[in-house]
Amino acid sequence: MTSPYRVCFVCTRNICRSPIAAAVFRARLTEAGLDTLVEVDSAGTGGWHEGDGVDPRAAAVLEAHGYDSAHTARRFRASWFAHLDLVIALDAGHLRDLRRLAPTPADAAKVRLLRAYDPAVPPSGDLDVADPYYGDLAGFEECLESVEAASEGLLSTVRTAVEEAA
């Protein structure tokens, strides 16, 4: 058997946006029957919350929509690029930070913005998933909606990569 395709979602603190994205994408993979072929992880560009669980507001929104909220925050490491196939940044700042951290140009090319996979967002549109951390529960709902809207496009891309590797 070939090794699994590996995707890592990255935000700032790894307690809001990236765990939400990872939970949603895991659910999409399960629905598509790809959960045994694709590994999903998440991390933050900073380590302020390493070891913490998901933000309680993110957990509430995930659970209200039927997603798993189990999570432990970690910081993204440059050494991870070697075993990842795709690194999904949640905003342009993360994209920039991750590409700078990438050891090689090939690793930098693995970094993409999540909302680039949302067909409703025009190419010149805002590709950032808004950070809900400093707001109320409505911001977490909006974050979830942005993530869900991009997940089908991302799933299609990952499915194609998995099929080509098989």
C-alpha atoms as a PDB file:
ATOM      1  CA  MET A   1       0.000   0.000   0.000  1.00  0.00           C
ATOM      2  CA  THR A   2       1.187   3.525  -0.743  1.00  0.00           C
ATOM      3  CA  SER A   3       1.612   6.001   2.068  1.00  0.00           C
ATOM      4  CA  PRO A   4      -1.385   8.218   2.839  1.00  0.00           C
ATOM      5  CA  TYR A   5      -1.796  11.650   1.305  1.00  0.00           C
ATOM      6  CA  ARG A   6      -1.158  14.202   4.062  1.00  0.00           C
ATOM      7  CA  VAL A   7      -2.844  17.583   4.520  1.00  0.00           C
ATOM      8  CA  CYS A   8      -2.134  20.082   7.306  1.00  0.00           C
ATOM      9  CA  PHE A   9      -4.307  23.155   7.968  1.00  0.00           C
ATOM     10  CA  VAL A  10      -2.469  26.118   9.518  1.00  0.00           C
ATOM     11  CA  CYS A  11      -3.710  29.265  11.267  1.00  0.00           C
ATOM     12  CA  THR A  12      -2.148  31.478  13.948  1.00  0.00           C
ATOM     13  CA  ARG A  13      -2.762  29.812  17.304  1.00  0.00           C
ATOM     14  CA  ASN A  14      -4.183  26.406  16.196  1.00  0.00           C
ATOM     15  CA  ILE A  15      -7.218  26.753  18.436  1.00  0.00           C
ATOM     16  CA  CYS A  16      -9.853  28.233  16.078  1.00  0.00           C
ATOM     17  CA  ARG A  17      -9.633  28.234  12.285  1.00  0.00           C
ATOM     18  CA  SER A  18      -7.274  25.344  11.559  1.00  0.00           C
ATOM     19  CA  PRO A  19      -8.951  22.874  13.951  1.00  0.00           C
ATOM     20  CA  ILE A  20     -12.322  23.832  12.446  1.00  0.00           C
ATOM     21  CA  ALA A  21     -10.937  23.253   8.944  1.00  0.00           C
ATOM     22  CA  ALA A  22      -9.385  19.919   9.945  1.00  0.00           C
ATOM     23  CA  ALA A  23     -12.628  18.694  11.542  1.00  0.00           C
ATOM     24  CA  VAL A  24     -14.718  19.663   8.517  1.00  0.00           C
ATOM     25  CA  PHE A  25     -12.258  18.143   6.054  1.00  0.00           C
ATOM     26  CA  ARG A  26     -12.044  14.881   8.012  1.00  0.00           C
ATOM     27  CA  ALA A  27     -15.846  14.654   7.823  1.00  0.00           C
ATOM     28  CA  ARG A  28     -15.787  15.305   4.050  1.00  0.00           C
ATOM     29  CA  LEU A  29     -13.137  12.604   3.582  1.00  0.00           C
ATOM     30  CA  THR A  30     -15.225  10.115   5.573  1.00  0.00           C
ATOM     31  CA  GLU A  31     -18.318  10.948   3.507  1.00  0.00           C
ATOM     32  CA  ALA A  32     -16.270  10.428   0.314  1.00  0.00           C
ATOM     33  CA  GLY A  33     -14.754   7.138   1.536  1.00  0.00           C
ATOM     34  CA  LEU A  34     -11.246   8.594   1.448  1.00  0.00           C
ATOM     35  CA  ASP A  35     -10.603   8.731   5.200  1.00  0.00           C
ATOM     36  CA  THR A  36      -8.266   5.709   5.097  1.00  0.00           C
ATOM     37  CA  LEU A  37      -6.208   7.249   2.265  1.00  0.00           C
ATOM     38  CA  VAL A  38      -5.767  10.789   3.581  1.00  0.00           C
ATOM     39  CA  GLU A  39      -4.363  12.010   6.914  1.00  0.00           C
ATOM     40  CA  VAL A  40      -5.468  15.401   8.204  1.00  0.00           C
ATOM     41  CA  ASP A  41      -3.652  17.507  10.774  1.00  0.00           C
ATOM     42  CA  SER A  42      -3.560  21.130  11.897  1.00  0.00           C
ATOM     43  CA  ALA A  43      -1.074  23.489  13.478  1.00  0.00           C
ATOM     44  CA  GLY A  44      -0.397  27.140  14.235  1.00  0.00           C
ATOM     45  CA  THR A  45       2.313  29.490  13.047  1.00  0.00           C
ATOM     46  CA  GLY A  46       2.862  30.410  16.696  1.00  0.00           C
ATOM     47  CA  GLY A  47       3.193  28.256  19.774  1.00  0.00           C
ATOM     48  CA  TRP A  48       1.251  30.336  22.318  1.00  0.00           C
ATOM     49  CA  HIS A  49      -1.386  27.641  22.848  1.00  0.00           C
ATOM     50  CA  GLU A  50       0.630  24.425  22.348  1.00  0.00           C
ATOM     51  CA  GLY A  51      -1.006  21.633  24.311  1.00  0.00           C
ATOM     52  CA  ASP A  52      -4.345  23.459  24.657  1.00  0.00           C
ATOM     53  CA  GLY A  53      -7.641  22.189  23.326  1.00  0.00           C
ATOM     54  CA  VAL A  54      -9.764  23.946  20.750  1.00  0.00           C
ATOM     55  CA  ASP A  55     -11.227  27.338  21.731  1.00  0.00           C
ATOM     56  CA  PRO A  56     -14.537  26.676  23.563  1.00  0.00           C
ATOM     57  CA  ARG A  57     -16.439  28.810  21.030  1.00  0.00           C
ATOM     58  CA  ALA A  58     -14.977  26.777  18.148  1.00  0.00           C
ATOM     59  CA  ALA A  59     -15.888  23.569  19.983  1.00  0.00           C
ATOM     60  CA  ALA A  60     -19.468  24.789  20.485  1.00  0.00           C
ATOM     61  CA  VAL A  61     -19.881  25.609  16.791  1.00  0.00           C
ATOM     62  CA  LEU A  62     -18.297  22.346  15.638  1.00  0.00           C
ATOM     63  CA  GLU A  63     -20.433  20.251  17.968  1.00  0.00           C
ATOM     64  CA  ALA A  64     -23.618  22.165  17.033  1.00  0.00           C
ATOM     65  CA  HIS A  65     -22.991  21.224  13.408  1.00  0.00           C
ATOM     66  CA  GLY A  66     -22.135  17.582  14.095  1.00  0.00           C
ATOM     67  CA  TYR A  67     -18.346  17.768  13.844  1.00  0.00           C
ATOM     68  CA  ASP A  68     -15.759  16.317  16.218  1.00  0.00           C
ATOM     69  CA  SER A  69     -14.017  18.955  18.343  1.00  0.00           C
ATOM     70  CA  ALA A  70     -11.247  16.797  19.870  1.00  0.00           C
ATOM     71  CA  HIS A  71      -7.949  18.619  19.344  1.00  0.00           C
ATOM     72  CA  THR A  72      -4.568  19.481  20.866  1.00  0.00           C
ATOM     73  CA  ALA A  73      -2.836  22.643  19.605  1.00  0.00           C
ATOM     74  CA  ARG A  74       0.677  22.480  18.170  1.00  0.00           C
ATOM     75  CA  ARG A  75       3.089  24.724  16.333  1.00  0.00           C
ATOM     76  CA  PHE A  76       3.973  24.029  12.694  1.00  0.00           C
ATOM     77  CA  ARG A  77       7.595  22.982  12.145  1.00  0.00           C
ATOM     78  CA  ALA A  78       9.647  23.378   8.958  1.00  0.00           C
ATOM     79  CA  SER A  79      10.667  19.705   9.197  1.00  0.00           C
ATOM     80  CA  TRP A  80       7.027  18.699   8.586  1.00  0.00           C
ATOM     81  CA  PHE A  81       7.177  19.782   4.953  1.00  0.00           C
ATOM     82  CA  ALA A  82       9.101  16.591   4.136  1.00  0.00           C
ATOM     83  CA  HIS A  83       6.110  14.370   4.943  1.00  0.00           C
ATOM     84  CA  LEU A  84       3.234  16.662   3.913  1.00  0.00           C
ATOM     85  CA  ASP A  85       1.619  16.759   0.483  1.00  0.00           C
ATOM     86  CA  LEU A  86      -0.437  19.903   1.005  1.00  0.00           C
ATOM     87  CA  VAL A  87      -0.245  22.709   3.587  1.00  0.00           C
ATOM     88  CA  ILE A  88      -3.424  24.761   3.732  1.00  0.00           C
ATOM     89  CA  ALA A  89      -3.063  28.308   5.057  1.00  0.00           C
ATOM     90  CA  LEU A  90      -6.136  30.032   6.444  1.00  0.00           C
ATOM     91  CA  ASP A  91      -5.066  33.557   5.474  1.00  0.00           C
ATOM     92  CA  ALA A  92      -2.477  35.444   3.450  1.00  0.00           C
ATOM     93  CA  GLY A  93      -0.277  36.067   6.509  1.00  0.00           C
ATOM     94  CA  HIS A  94      -0.058  32.335   7.182  1.00  0.00           C
ATOM     95  CA  LEU A  95       0.656  31.706   3.497  1.00  0.00           C
ATOM     96  CA  ARG A  96       3.556  34.165   3.591  1.00  0.00           C
ATOM     97  CA  ASP A  97       4.934  32.805   6.888  1.00  0.00           C
ATOM     98  CA  LEU A  98       4.731  29.185   5.747  1.00  0.00           C
ATOM     99  CA  ARG A  99       6.358  29.855   2.386  1.00  0.00           C
ATOM    100  CA  ARG A 100       9.215  31.644   4.177  1.00  0.00           C
ATOM    101  CA  LEU A 101       9.571  28.672   6.521  1.00  0.00           C
ATOM    102  CA  ALA A 102       9.653  26.145   3.673  1.00  0.00           C
ATOM    103  CA  PRO A 103      13.116  24.571   3.252  1.00  0.00           C
ATOM    104  CA  THR A 104      12.843  24.303  -0.557  1.00  0.00           C
ATOM    105  CA  PRO A 105      10.876  25.905  -3.416  1.00  0.00           C
ATOM    106  CA  ALA A 106       9.043  22.574  -3.852  1.00  0.00           C
ATOM    107  CA  ASP A 107       7.962  22.743  -0.199  1.00  0.00           C
ATOM    108  CA  ALA A 108       6.824  26.360  -0.613  1.00  0.00           C
ATOM    109  CA  ALA A 109       4.692  25.245  -3.578  1.00  0.00           C
ATOM    110  CA  LYS A 110       2.778  22.881  -1.261  1.00  0.00           C
ATOM    111  CA  VAL A 111       1.289  25.877   0.598  1.00  0.00           C
ATOM    112  CA  ARG A 112      -2.127  27.036  -0.612  1.00  0.00           C
ATOM    113  CA  LEU A 113      -4.942  29.212   0.701  1.00  0.00           C
ATOM    114  CA  LEU A 114      -8.095  27.321   1.720  1.00  0.00           C
ATOM    115  CA  ARG A 115     -10.555  29.798   0.220  1.00  0.00           C
ATOM    116  CA  ALA A 116      -8.848  29.447  -3.177  1.00  0.00           C
ATOM    117  CA  TYR A 117     -10.812  26.174  -3.352  1.00  0.00           C
ATOM    118  CA  ASP A 118     -14.182  27.942  -2.900  1.00  0.00           C
ATOM    119  CA  PRO A 119     -15.749  28.299  -6.359  1.00  0.00           C
ATOM    120  CA  ALA A 120     -17.918  31.204  -5.156  1.00  0.00           C
ATOM    121  CA  VAL A 121     -14.873  33.384  -4.378  1.00  0.00           C
ATOM    122  CA  PRO A 122     -13.657  35.264  -7.471  1.00  0.00           C
ATOM    123  CA  PRO A 123      -9.891  35.065  -8.183  1.00  0.00           C
ATOM    124  CA  SER A 124      -9.530  38.701  -7.141  1.00  0.00           C
ATOM    125  CA  GLY A 125     -11.707  38.164  -4.047  1.00  0.00           C
ATOM    126  CA  ASP A 126     -10.716  38.003  -0.384  1.00  0.00           C
ATOM    127  CA  LEU A 127      -9.152  34.588   0.178  1.00  0.00           C
ATOM    128  CA  ASP A 128      -8.699  34.972   3.948  1.00  0.00           C
ATOM    129  CA  VAL A 129     -10.811  33.012   6.417  1.00  0.00           C
ATOM    130  CA  ALA A 130     -11.584  35.732   8.965  1.00  0.00           C
ATOM    131  CA  ASP A 131     -10.066  35.182  12.408  1.00  0.00           C
ATOM    132  CA  PRO A 132     -12.926  34.797  14.907  1.00  0.00           C
ATOM    133  CA  TYR A 133     -10.695  34.776  18.005  1.00  0.00           C
ATOM    134  CA  TYR A 134     -11.400  38.332  19.186  1.00  0.00           C
ATOM    135  CA  GLY A 135     -15.116  38.243  18.391  1.00  0.00           C
ATOM    136  CA  ASP A 136     -18.258  36.447  19.440  1.00  0.00           C
ATOM    137  CA  LEU A 137     -19.853  33.155  18.452  1.00  0.00           C
ATOM    138  CA  ALA A 138     -21.143  34.635  15.174  1.00  0.00           C
ATOM    139  CA  GLY A 139     -17.552  34.940  13.963  1.00  0.00           C
ATOM    140  CA  PHE A 140     -17.013  31.234  14.588  1.00  0.00           C
ATOM    141  CA  GLU A 141     -20.187  30.434  12.623  1.00  0.00           C
ATOM    142  CA  GLU A 142     -18.890  32.590   9.761  1.00  0.00           C
ATOM    143  CA  CYS A 143     -15.530  30.799   9.936  1.00  0.00           C
ATOM    144  CA  LEU A 144     -17.268  27.428   9.710  1.00  0.00           C
ATOM    145  CA  GLU A 145     -19.306  28.594   6.698  1.00  0.00           C
ATOM    146  CA  SER A 146     -16.134  29.755   4.886  1.00  0.00           C
ATOM    147  CA  VAL A 147     -14.408  26.452   5.622  1.00  0.00           C
ATOM    148  CA  GLU A 148     -17.372  24.356   4.511  1.00  0.00           C
ATOM    149  CA  ALA A 149     -17.699  26.347   1.273  1.00  0.00           C
ATOM    150  CA  ALA A 150     -14.068  25.622   0.338  1.00  0.00           C
ATOM    151  CA  SER A 151     -14.002  22.001   1.497  1.00  0.00           C
ATOM    152  CA  GLU A 152     -15.682  20.463  -1.559  1.00  0.00           C
ATOM    153  CA  GLY A 153     -13.170  22.087  -3.923  1.00  0.00           C
ATOM    154  CA  LEU A 154     -10.294  20.967  -1.733  1.00  0.00           C
ATOM    155  CA  LEU A 155     -11.766  17.466  -1.575  1.00  0.00           C
ATOM    156  CA  SER A 156     -11.890  17.328  -5.362  1.00  0.00           C
ATOM    157  CA  THR A 157      -8.213  18.332  -5.601  1.00  0.00           C
ATOM    158  CA  VAL A 158      -7.154  15.792  -2.967  1.00  0.00           C
ATOM    159  CA  ARG A 159      -9.260  13.028  -4.543  1.00  0.00           C
ATOM    160  CA  THR A 160      -7.524  13.624  -7.893  1.00  0.00           C
ATOM    161  CA  ALA A 161      -4.080  13.527  -6.252  1.00  0.00           C
ATOM    162  CA  VAL A 162      -4.915  10.304  -4.392  1.00  0.00           C
ATOM    163  CA  GLU A 163      -6.254   8.661  -7.572  1.00  0.00           C
ATOM    164  CA  GLU A 164      -3.153   9.690  -9.542  1.00  0.00           C
ATOM    165  CA  ALA A 165      -0.897   8.229  -6.838  1.00  0.00           C
ATOM    166  CA  ALA A 166      -2.764   4.903  -6.786  1.00  0.00           C
END
